[in-house]
Amino acid sequence: VRYAVDGANVVGIGTFTDHSTIFFYRGRELDDESGL
């Protein structure tokens, strides 16, 4: 699934067999001080 605002994708959720992922369509623009 993905979540959008005003037609623009923001985040998505996906999975593998042993872990899951939340992905950010504009992740490069995020301030990731946590290093996650």
Full PDB file with SEQRES, HELIX, SHEET, SSBOND, CRYST1, ORIGX, SCALE, CONECT and MASTER records, all heavy atoms in Angstrom:
SEQRES   1 A   36  VAL ARG TYR ALA VAL ASP GLY ALA ASN VAL VAL GLY ILE          
SEQRES   2 A   36  GLY THR PHE THR ASP HIS SER THR ILE PHE PHE TYR ARG          
SEQRES   3 A   36  GLY ARG GLU LEU ASP ASP GLU SER GLY LEU                      
HELIX    1 AA1 GLY A   27  GLU A   29  5                                   3    
SHEET    1 AA1 3 ARG A   2  VAL A   5  0                                        
SHEET    2 AA1 3 ALA A   8  THR A  15 -1                                        
SHEET    3 AA1 3 SER A  20  PHE A  24 -1                                        
CRYST1    1.000    1.000    1.000  90.00  90.00  90.00 P 1           1          
ORIGX1      1.000000  0.000000  0.000000        0.00000                         
ORIGX2      0.000000  1.000000  0.000000        0.00000                         
ORIGX3      0.000000  0.000000  1.000000        0.00000                         
SCALE1      1.000000  0.000000  0.000000        0.00000                         
SCALE2      0.000000  1.000000  0.000000        0.00000                         
SCALE3      0.000000  0.000000  1.000000        0.00000                         
ATOM      1  N   VAL A   1       0.842  -1.194   0.000  1.00  0.00           N  
ATOM      2  CA  VAL A   1       0.000   0.000   0.000  1.00  0.00           C  
ATOM      3  C   VAL A   1       0.880   1.248   0.000  1.00  0.00           C  
ATOM      4  O   VAL A   1       2.018   1.214   0.463  1.00  0.00           O  
ATOM      5  CB  VAL A   1      -0.939  -0.006   1.241  1.00  0.00           C  
ATOM      6  CG1 VAL A   1      -0.159   0.046   2.534  1.00  0.00           C  
ATOM      7  CG2 VAL A   1      -2.001   1.072   1.177  1.00  0.00           C  
ATOM      8  N   ARG A   2       0.334   2.313  -0.550  1.00  0.00           N  
ATOM      9  CA  ARG A   2       1.023   3.602  -0.480  1.00  0.00           C  
ATOM     10  C   ARG A   2       0.012   4.646  -0.029  1.00  0.00           C  
ATOM     11  O   ARG A   2      -1.200   4.474  -0.194  1.00  0.00           O  
ATOM     12  CB  ARG A   2       1.662   3.968  -1.812  1.00  0.00           C  
ATOM     13  CG  ARG A   2       0.694   4.214  -2.937  1.00  0.00           C  
ATOM     14  CD  ARG A   2       1.472   4.435  -4.254  1.00  0.00           C  
ATOM     15  NE  ARG A   2       0.582   4.760  -5.340  1.00  0.00           N  
ATOM     16  CZ  ARG A   2       0.063   3.876  -6.191  1.00  0.00           C  
ATOM     17  NH1 ARG A   2       0.348   2.590  -6.061  1.00  0.00           N  
ATOM     18  NH2 ARG A   2      -0.731   4.262  -7.157  1.00  0.00           N  
ATOM     19  N   TYR A   3       0.517   5.719   0.529  1.00  0.00           N  
ATOM     20  CA  TYR A   3      -0.323   6.804   1.017  1.00  0.00           C  
ATOM     21  C   TYR A   3       0.078   8.073   0.285  1.00  0.00           C  
ATOM     22  O   TYR A   3       1.267   8.347   0.119  1.00  0.00           O  
ATOM     23  CB  TYR A   3      -0.168   6.959   2.533  1.00  0.00           C  
ATOM     24  CG  TYR A   3      -0.738   5.761   3.257  1.00  0.00           C  
ATOM     25  CD1 TYR A   3       0.031   4.638   3.506  1.00  0.00           C  
ATOM     26  CD2 TYR A   3      -2.070   5.744   3.641  1.00  0.00           C  
ATOM     27  CE1 TYR A   3      -0.499   3.520   4.135  1.00  0.00           C  
ATOM     28  CE2 TYR A   3      -2.610   4.632   4.273  1.00  0.00           C  
ATOM     29  CZ  TYR A   3      -1.818   3.527   4.514  1.00  0.00           C  
ATOM     30  OH  TYR A   3      -2.364   2.425   5.122  1.00  0.00           O  
ATOM     31  N   ALA A   4      -0.932   8.813  -0.148  1.00  0.00           N  
ATOM     32  CA  ALA A   4      -0.687   9.999  -0.963  1.00  0.00           C  
ATOM     33  C   ALA A   4      -1.457  11.193  -0.404  1.00  0.00           C  
ATOM     34  O   ALA A   4      -2.484  11.038   0.258  1.00  0.00           O  
ATOM     35  CB  ALA A   4      -1.119   9.737  -2.409  1.00  0.00           C  
ATOM     36  N   VAL A   5      -0.951  12.379  -0.718  1.00  0.00           N  
ATOM     37  CA  VAL A   5      -1.599  13.640  -0.371  1.00  0.00           C  
ATOM     38  C   VAL A   5      -1.679  14.452  -1.650  1.00  0.00           C  
ATOM     39  O   VAL A   5      -0.666  14.646  -2.324  1.00  0.00           O  
ATOM     40  CB  VAL A   5      -0.805  14.405   0.709  1.00  0.00           C  
ATOM     41  CG1 VAL A   5      -1.383  15.791   0.933  1.00  0.00           C  
ATOM     42  CG2 VAL A   5      -0.769  13.617   2.011  1.00  0.00           C  
ATOM     43  N   ASP A   6      -2.872  14.887  -1.991  1.00  0.00           N  
ATOM     44  CA  ASP A   6      -3.090  15.687  -3.211  1.00  0.00           C  
ATOM     45  C   ASP A   6      -2.490  15.005  -4.443  1.00  0.00           C  
ATOM     46  O   ASP A   6      -1.876  15.652  -5.291  1.00  0.00           O  
ATOM     47  CB  ASP A   6      -2.523  17.094  -3.050  1.00  0.00           C  
ATOM     48  CG  ASP A   6      -3.233  17.882  -1.962  1.00  0.00           C  
ATOM     49  OD1 ASP A   6      -4.450  17.668  -1.766  1.00  0.00           O  
ATOM     50  OD2 ASP A   6      -2.576  18.715  -1.303  1.00  0.00           O  
ATOM     51  N   GLY A   7      -2.606  13.697  -4.503  1.00  0.00           N  
ATOM     52  CA  GLY A   7      -2.132  12.933  -5.661  1.00  0.00           C  
ATOM     53  C   GLY A   7      -0.653  12.607  -5.660  1.00  0.00           C  
ATOM     54  O   GLY A   7      -0.172  11.906  -6.546  1.00  0.00           O  
ATOM     55  N   ALA A   8       0.078  13.090  -4.666  1.00  0.00           N  
ATOM     56  CA  ALA A   8       1.522  12.827  -4.598  1.00  0.00           C  
ATOM     57  C   ALA A   8       1.802  11.720  -3.587  1.00  0.00           C  
ATOM     58  O   ALA A   8       1.387  11.813  -2.426  1.00  0.00           O  
ATOM     59  CB  ALA A   8       2.276  14.094  -4.201  1.00  0.00           C  
ATOM     60  N   ASN A   9       2.507  10.677  -4.007  1.00  0.00           N  
ATOM     61  CA  ASN A   9       2.869   9.589  -3.102  1.00  0.00           C  
ATOM     62  C   ASN A   9       3.799  10.098  -2.008  1.00  0.00           C  
ATOM     63  O   ASN A   9       4.734  10.859  -2.283  1.00  0.00           O  
ATOM     64  CB  ASN A   9       3.566   8.473  -3.869  1.00  0.00           C  
ATOM     65  CG  ASN A   9       2.638   7.785  -4.829  1.00  0.00           C  
ATOM     66  OD1 ASN A   9       1.437   7.697  -4.604  1.00  0.00           O  
ATOM     67  ND2 ASN A   9       3.179   7.281  -5.919  1.00  0.00           N  
ATOM     68  N   VAL A  10       3.543   9.663  -0.775  1.00  0.00           N  
ATOM     69  CA  VAL A  10       4.342  10.106   0.370  1.00  0.00           C  
ATOM     70  C   VAL A  10       5.107   8.938   0.975  1.00  0.00           C  
ATOM     71  O   VAL A  10       6.329   8.963   1.033  1.00  0.00           O  
ATOM     72  CB  VAL A  10       3.453  10.781   1.443  1.00  0.00           C  
ATOM     73  CG1 VAL A  10       4.309  11.259   2.606  1.00  0.00           C  
ATOM     74  CG2 VAL A  10       2.657  11.931   0.850  1.00  0.00           C  
ATOM     75  N   VAL A  11       4.388   7.925   1.449  1.00  0.00           N  
ATOM     76  CA  VAL A  11       5.028   6.743   2.024  1.00  0.00           C  
ATOM     77  C   VAL A  11       4.353   5.491   1.495  1.00  0.00           C  
ATOM     78  O   VAL A  11       3.193   5.522   1.079  1.00  0.00           O  
ATOM     79  CB  VAL A  11       4.995   6.725   3.572  1.00  0.00           C  
ATOM     80  CG1 VAL A  11       5.705   7.920   4.167  1.00  0.00           C  
ATOM     81  CG2 VAL A  11       3.595   6.611   4.110  1.00  0.00           C  
ATOM     82  N   GLY A  12       5.083   4.395   1.547  1.00  0.00           N  
ATOM     83  CA  GLY A  12       4.537   3.103   1.164  1.00  0.00           C  
ATOM     84  C   GLY A  12       4.969   2.061   2.173  1.00  0.00           C  
ATOM     85  O   GLY A  12       5.936   2.264   2.916  1.00  0.00           O  
ATOM     86  N   ILE A  13       4.246   0.963   2.185  1.00  0.00           N  
ATOM     87  CA  ILE A  13       4.568  -0.138   3.087  1.00  0.00           C  
ATOM     88  C   ILE A  13       4.684  -1.401   2.247  1.00  0.00           C  
ATOM     89  O   ILE A  13       3.825  -1.683   1.402  1.00  0.00           O  
ATOM     90  CB  ILE A  13       3.484  -0.297   4.172  1.00  0.00           C  
ATOM     91  CG1 ILE A  13       3.427   0.972   5.023  1.00  0.00           C  
ATOM     92  CG2 ILE A  13       3.749  -1.540   5.031  1.00  0.00           C  
ATOM     93  CD1 ILE A  13       2.244   1.061   5.949  1.00  0.00           C  
ATOM     94  N   GLY A  14       5.746  -2.130   2.497  1.00  0.00           N  
ATOM     95  CA  GLY A  14       5.969  -3.374   1.788  1.00  0.00           C  
ATOM     96  C   GLY A  14       6.539  -4.406   2.739  1.00  0.00           C  
ATOM     97  O   GLY A  14       6.882  -4.093   3.876  1.00  0.00           O  
ATOM     98  N   THR A  15       6.643  -5.631   2.270  1.00  0.00           N  
ATOM     99  CA  THR A  15       7.167  -6.689   3.129  1.00  0.00           C  
ATOM    100  C   THR A  15       7.987  -7.698   2.348  1.00  0.00           C  
ATOM    101  O   THR A  15       7.843  -7.842   1.138  1.00  0.00           O  
ATOM    102  CB  THR A  15       6.015  -7.381   3.900  1.00  0.00           C  
ATOM    103  OG1 THR A  15       6.565  -8.160   4.947  1.00  0.00           O  
ATOM    104  CG2 THR A  15       5.153  -8.222   2.998  1.00  0.00           C  
ATOM    105  N   PHE A  16       8.843  -8.339   3.071  1.00  0.00           N  
ATOM    106  CA  PHE A  16       9.614  -9.484   2.615  1.00  0.00           C  
ATOM    107  C   PHE A  16       9.159 -10.654   3.479  1.00  0.00           C  
ATOM    108  O   PHE A  16       8.246 -10.505   4.284  1.00  0.00           O  
ATOM    109  CB  PHE A  16      11.119  -9.222   2.798  1.00  0.00           C  
ATOM    110  CG  PHE A  16      11.646  -8.099   1.948  1.00  0.00           C  
ATOM    111  CD1 PHE A  16      11.535  -6.779   2.361  1.00  0.00           C  
ATOM    112  CD2 PHE A  16      12.266  -8.359   0.731  1.00  0.00           C  
ATOM    113  CE1 PHE A  16      12.024  -5.739   1.586  1.00  0.00           C  
ATOM    114  CE2 PHE A  16      12.762  -7.325  -0.056  1.00  0.00           C  
ATOM    115  CZ  PHE A  16      12.639  -6.016   0.367  1.00  0.00           C  
ATOM    116  N   THR A  17       9.785 -11.788   3.381  1.00  0.00           N  
ATOM    117  CA  THR A  17       9.347 -12.927   4.185  1.00  0.00           C  
ATOM    118  C   THR A  17       9.741 -12.801   5.655  1.00  0.00           C  
ATOM    119  O   THR A  17       9.074 -13.350   6.520  1.00  0.00           O  
ATOM    120  CB  THR A  17       9.916 -14.249   3.634  1.00  0.00           C  
ATOM    121  OG1 THR A  17      11.325 -14.130   3.545  1.00  0.00           O  
ATOM    122  CG2 THR A  17       9.320 -14.569   2.276  1.00  0.00           C  
ATOM    123  N   ASP A  18      10.817 -12.048   5.945  1.00  0.00           N  
ATOM    124  CA  ASP A  18      11.274 -11.975   7.332  1.00  0.00           C  
ATOM    125  C   ASP A  18      11.351 -10.574   7.924  1.00  0.00           C  
ATOM    126  O   ASP A  18      11.749 -10.398   9.066  1.00  0.00           O  
ATOM    127  CB  ASP A  18      12.630 -12.663   7.471  1.00  0.00           C  
ATOM    128  CG  ASP A  18      13.711 -11.986   6.641  1.00  0.00           C  
ATOM    129  OD1 ASP A  18      13.399 -11.100   5.827  1.00  0.00           O  
ATOM    130  OD2 ASP A  18      14.889 -12.362   6.821  1.00  0.00           O  
ATOM    131  N   HIS A  19      11.001  -9.560   7.174  1.00  0.00           N  
ATOM    132  CA  HIS A  19      10.946  -8.190   7.686  1.00  0.00           C  
ATOM    133  C   HIS A  19      10.064  -7.345   6.774  1.00  0.00           C  
ATOM    134  O   HIS A  19       9.696  -7.773   5.688  1.00  0.00           O  
ATOM    135  CB  HIS A  19      12.353  -7.583   7.803  1.00  0.00           C  
ATOM    136  CG  HIS A  19      13.010  -7.320   6.479  1.00  0.00           C  
ATOM    137  ND1 HIS A  19      13.651  -8.310   5.769  1.00  0.00           N  
ATOM    138  CD2 HIS A  19      13.118  -6.192   5.737  1.00  0.00           C  
ATOM    139  CE1 HIS A  19      14.141  -7.796   4.648  1.00  0.00           C  
ATOM    140  NE2 HIS A  19      13.827  -6.509   4.608  1.00  0.00           N  
ATOM    141  N   SER A  20       9.726  -6.169   7.263  1.00  0.00           N  
ATOM    142  CA  SER A  20       8.895  -5.258   6.485  1.00  0.00           C  
ATOM    143  C   SER A  20       9.649  -3.954   6.268  1.00  0.00           C  
ATOM    144  O   SER A  20      10.716  -3.738   6.832  1.00  0.00           O  
ATOM    145  CB  SER A  20       7.574  -5.005   7.208  1.00  0.00           C  
ATOM    146  OG  SER A  20       6.874  -6.218   7.335  1.00  0.00           O  
ATOM    147  N   THR A  21       9.046  -3.102   5.467  1.00  0.00           N  
ATOM    148  CA  THR A  21       9.692  -1.853   5.097  1.00  0.00           C  
ATOM    149  C   THR A  21       8.660  -0.739   5.004  1.00  0.00           C  
ATOM    150  O   THR A  21       7.552  -0.947   4.514  1.00  0.00           O  
ATOM    151  CB  THR A  21      10.386  -2.005   3.721  1.00  0.00           C  
ATOM    152  OG1 THR A  21      11.318  -3.064   3.790  1.00  0.00           O  
ATOM    153  CG2 THR A  21      11.080  -0.754   3.297  1.00  0.00           C  
ATOM    154  N   ILE A  22       9.052   0.429   5.466  1.00  0.00           N  
ATOM    155  CA  ILE A  22       8.276   1.629   5.158  1.00  0.00           C  
ATOM    156  C   ILE A  22       9.197   2.465   4.275  1.00  0.00           C  
ATOM    157  O   ILE A  22      10.379   2.651   4.589  1.00  0.00           O  
ATOM    158  CB  ILE A  22       7.819   2.381   6.424  1.00  0.00           C  
ATOM    159  CG1 ILE A  22       6.910   3.540   6.058  1.00  0.00           C  
ATOM    160  CG2 ILE A  22       8.975   2.836   7.276  1.00  0.00           C  
ATOM    161  CD1 ILE A  22       6.121   4.106   7.227  1.00  0.00           C  
ATOM    162  N   PHE A  23       8.678   2.842   3.119  1.00  0.00           N  
ATOM    163  CA  PHE A  23       9.532   3.587   2.202  1.00  0.00           C  
ATOM    164  C   PHE A  23       8.951   4.967   1.945  1.00  0.00           C  
ATOM    165  O   PHE A  23       7.748   5.177   1.992  1.00  0.00           O  
ATOM    166  CB  PHE A  23       9.816   2.824   0.906  1.00  0.00           C  
ATOM    167  CG  PHE A  23       8.616   2.238   0.209  1.00  0.00           C  
ATOM    168  CD1 PHE A  23       8.007   2.907  -0.836  1.00  0.00           C  
ATOM    169  CD2 PHE A  23       8.097   1.006   0.595  1.00  0.00           C  
ATOM    170  CE1 PHE A  23       6.911   2.355  -1.491  1.00  0.00           C  
ATOM    171  CE2 PHE A  23       7.011   0.446  -0.053  1.00  0.00           C  
ATOM    172  CZ  PHE A  23       6.406   1.128  -1.092  1.00  0.00           C  
ATOM    173  N   PHE A  24       9.840   5.891   1.718  1.00  0.00           N  
ATOM    174  CA  PHE A  24       9.515   7.303   1.575  1.00  0.00           C  
ATOM    175  C   PHE A  24       9.836   7.735   0.149  1.00  0.00           C  
ATOM    176  O   PHE A  24      10.988   7.652  -0.272  1.00  0.00           O  
ATOM    177  CB  PHE A  24      10.323   8.136   2.569  1.00  0.00           C  
ATOM    178  CG  PHE A  24      10.088   7.751   4.002  1.00  0.00           C  
ATOM    179  CD1 PHE A  24      10.810   6.725   4.590  1.00  0.00           C  
ATOM    180  CD2 PHE A  24       9.134   8.411   4.749  1.00  0.00           C  
ATOM    181  CE1 PHE A  24      10.589   6.358   5.905  1.00  0.00           C  
ATOM    182  CE2 PHE A  24       8.894   8.060   6.068  1.00  0.00           C  
ATOM    183  CZ  PHE A  24       9.623   7.025   6.652  1.00  0.00           C  
ATOM    184  N   TYR A  25       8.831   8.202  -0.560  1.00  0.00           N  
ATOM    185  CA  TYR A  25       9.014   8.571  -1.963  1.00  0.00           C  
ATOM    186  C   TYR A  25       9.960   9.760  -2.123  1.00  0.00           C  
ATOM    187  O   TYR A  25      10.664   9.862  -3.120  1.00  0.00           O  
ATOM    188  CB  TYR A  25       7.663   8.854  -2.625  1.00  0.00           C  
ATOM    189  CG  TYR A  25       6.878   7.586  -2.861  1.00  0.00           C  
ATOM    190  CD1 TYR A  25       6.021   7.079  -1.897  1.00  0.00           C  
ATOM    191  CD2 TYR A  25       7.024   6.873  -4.047  1.00  0.00           C  
ATOM    192  CE1 TYR A  25       5.319   5.904  -2.107  1.00  0.00           C  
ATOM    193  CE2 TYR A  25       6.329   5.694  -4.269  1.00  0.00           C  
ATOM    194  CZ  TYR A  25       5.477   5.217  -3.295  1.00  0.00           C  
ATOM    195  OH  TYR A  25       4.793   4.047  -3.506  1.00  0.00           O  
ATOM    196  N   ARG A  26       9.952  10.664  -1.145  1.00  0.00           N  
ATOM    197  CA  ARG A  26      10.855  11.815  -1.185  1.00  0.00           C  
ATOM    198  C   ARG A  26      11.840  11.727  -0.017  1.00  0.00           C  
ATOM    199  O   ARG A  26      12.171  12.720   0.621  1.00  0.00           O  
ATOM    200  CB  ARG A  26      10.035  13.109  -1.143  1.00  0.00           C  
ATOM    201  CG  ARG A  26       9.197  13.302  -2.406  1.00  0.00           C  
ATOM    202  CD  ARG A  26       8.246  14.466  -2.320  1.00  0.00           C  
ATOM    203  NE  ARG A  26       8.946  15.735  -2.205  1.00  0.00           N  
ATOM    204  CZ  ARG A  26       8.313  16.914  -2.105  1.00  0.00           C  
ATOM    205  NH1 ARG A  26       6.997  16.976  -2.137  1.00  0.00           N  
ATOM    206  NH2 ARG A  26       9.007  18.024  -1.989  1.00  0.00           N  
ATOM    207  N   GLY A  27      12.312  10.533   0.230  1.00  0.00           N  
ATOM    208  CA  GLY A  27      13.179  10.279   1.373  1.00  0.00           C  
ATOM    209  C   GLY A  27      14.477  11.050   1.372  1.00  0.00           C  
ATOM    210  O   GLY A  27      15.017  11.372   2.430  1.00  0.00           O  
ATOM    211  N   ARG A  28      14.986  11.352   0.212  1.00  0.00           N  
ATOM    212  CA  ARG A  28      16.230  12.125   0.110  1.00  0.00           C  
ATOM    213  C   ARG A  28      16.081  13.490   0.775  1.00  0.00           C  
ATOM    214  O   ARG A  28      17.042  14.063   1.282  1.00  0.00           O  
ATOM    215  CB  ARG A  28      16.625  12.286  -1.360  1.00  0.00           C  
ATOM    216  CG  ARG A  28      17.917  13.038  -1.603  1.00  0.00           C  
ATOM    217  CD  ARG A  28      18.232  13.143  -3.090  1.00  0.00           C  
ATOM    218  NE  ARG A  28      17.149  13.655  -3.894  1.00  0.00           N  
ATOM    219  CZ  ARG A  28      16.859  14.947  -4.089  1.00  0.00           C  
ATOM    220  NH1 ARG A  28      17.590  15.865  -3.511  1.00  0.00           N  
ATOM    221  NH2 ARG A  28      15.854  15.312  -4.842  1.00  0.00           N  
ATOM    222  N   GLU A  29      14.849  14.004   0.813  1.00  0.00           N  
ATOM    223  CA  GLU A  29      14.596  15.329   1.378  1.00  0.00           C  
ATOM    224  C   GLU A  29      14.401  15.315   2.889  1.00  0.00           C  
ATOM    225  O   GLU A  29      14.328  16.372   3.515  1.00  0.00           O  
ATOM    226  CB  GLU A  29      13.351  15.938   0.725  1.00  0.00           C  
ATOM    227  CG  GLU A  29      13.495  16.139  -0.767  1.00  0.00           C  
ATOM    228  CD  GLU A  29      12.206  16.620  -1.410  1.00  0.00           C  
ATOM    229  OE1 GLU A  29      11.580  17.555  -0.869  1.00  0.00           O  
ATOM    230  OE2 GLU A  29      11.817  16.048  -2.448  1.00  0.00           O  
ATOM    231  N   LEU A  30      14.316  14.141   3.485  1.00  0.00           N  
ATOM    232  CA  LEU A  30      14.078  14.051   4.920  1.00  0.00           C  
ATOM    233  C   LEU A  30      15.351  14.311   5.709  1.00  0.00           C  
ATOM    234  O   LEU A  30      16.446  13.935   5.296  1.00  0.00           O  
ATOM    235  CB  LEU A  30      13.524  12.676   5.281  1.00  0.00           C  
ATOM    236  CG  LEU A  30      12.179  12.312   4.669  1.00  0.00           C  
ATOM    237  CD1 LEU A  30      11.820  10.876   5.010  1.00  0.00           C  
ATOM    238  CD2 LEU A  30      11.092  13.260   5.142  1.00  0.00           C  
ATOM    239  N   ASP A  31      15.193  14.940   6.865  1.00  0.00           N  
ATOM    240  CA  ASP A  31      16.307  15.170   7.779  1.00  0.00           C  
ATOM    241  C   ASP A  31      16.398  13.957   8.691  1.00  0.00           C  
ATOM    242  O   ASP A  31      15.637  13.823   9.640  1.00  0.00           O  
ATOM    243  CB  ASP A  31      16.052  16.445   8.589  1.00  0.00           C  
ATOM    244  CG  ASP A  31      17.147  16.737   9.572  1.00  0.00           C  
ATOM    245  OD1 ASP A  31      18.263  16.194   9.419  1.00  0.00           O  
ATOM    246  OD2 ASP A  31      16.900  17.502  10.516  1.00  0.00           O  
ATOM    247  N   ASP A  32      17.323  13.072   8.380  1.00  0.00           N  
ATOM    248  CA  ASP A  32      17.443  11.801   9.092  1.00  0.00           C  
ATOM    249  C   ASP A  32      18.587  11.845  10.097  1.00  0.00           C  
ATOM    250  O   ASP A  32      19.605  11.184   9.939  1.00  0.00           O  
ATOM    251  CB  ASP A  32      17.643  10.656   8.100  1.00  0.00           C  
ATOM    252  CG  ASP A  32      17.766   9.309   8.773  1.00  0.00           C  
ATOM    253  OD1 ASP A  32      17.221   9.145   9.888  1.00  0.00           O  
ATOM    254  OD2 ASP A  32      18.412   8.428   8.196  1.00  0.00           O  
ATOM    255  N   GLU A  33      18.404  12.596  11.154  1.00  0.00           N  
ATOM    256  CA  GLU A  33      19.444  12.693  12.180  1.00  0.00           C  
ATOM    257  C   GLU A  33      19.637  11.371  12.929  1.00  0.00           C  
ATOM    258  O   GLU A  33      20.650  11.158  13.566  1.00  0.00           O  
ATOM    259  CB  GLU A  33      19.119  13.819  13.158  1.00  0.00           C  
ATOM    260  CG  GLU A  33      17.799  13.633  13.876  1.00  0.00           C  
ATOM    261  CD  GLU A  33      17.301  14.880  14.577  1.00  0.00           C  
ATOM    262  OE1 GLU A  33      17.418  15.976  14.008  1.00  0.00           O  
ATOM    263  OE2 GLU A  33      16.785  14.734  15.692  1.00  0.00           O  
ATOM    264  N   SER A  34      18.672  10.476  12.833  1.00  0.00           N  
ATOM    265  CA  SER A  34      18.744   9.185  13.522  1.00  0.00           C  
ATOM    266  C   SER A  34      19.538   8.135  12.746  1.00  0.00           C  
ATOM    267  O   SER A  34      19.929   7.117  13.311  1.00  0.00           O  
ATOM    268  CB  SER A  34      17.337   8.653  13.760  1.00  0.00           C  
ATOM    269  OG  SER A  34      16.685   8.452  12.507  1.00  0.00           O  
ATOM    270  N   GLY A  35      19.741   8.348  11.449  1.00  0.00           N  
ATOM    271  CA  GLY A  35      20.458   7.397  10.622  1.00  0.00           C  
ATOM    272  C   GLY A  35      19.667   6.147  10.275  1.00  0.00           C  
ATOM    273  O   GLY A  35      20.234   5.127   9.916  1.00  0.00           O  
ATOM    274  N   LEU A  36      18.344   6.223  10.358  1.00  0.00           N  
ATOM    275  CA  LEU A  36      17.493   5.068  10.070  1.00  0.00           C  
ATOM    276  C   LEU A  36      17.267   4.818   8.584  1.00  0.00           C  
ATOM    277  O   LEU A  36      17.012   3.690   8.183  1.00  0.00           O  
ATOM    278  CB  LEU A  36      16.117   5.241  10.737  1.00  0.00           C  
ATOM    279  CG  LEU A  36      16.065   5.117  12.242  1.00  0.00           C  
ATOM    280  CD1 LEU A  36      14.664   5.449  12.744  1.00  0.00           C  
ATOM    281  CD2 LEU A  36      16.456   3.722  12.668  1.00  0.00           C  
TER     282      LEU A  36                                                      
MASTER        0    0    0    1    3    0    0    6  281    1    0    3          
END                                                                             
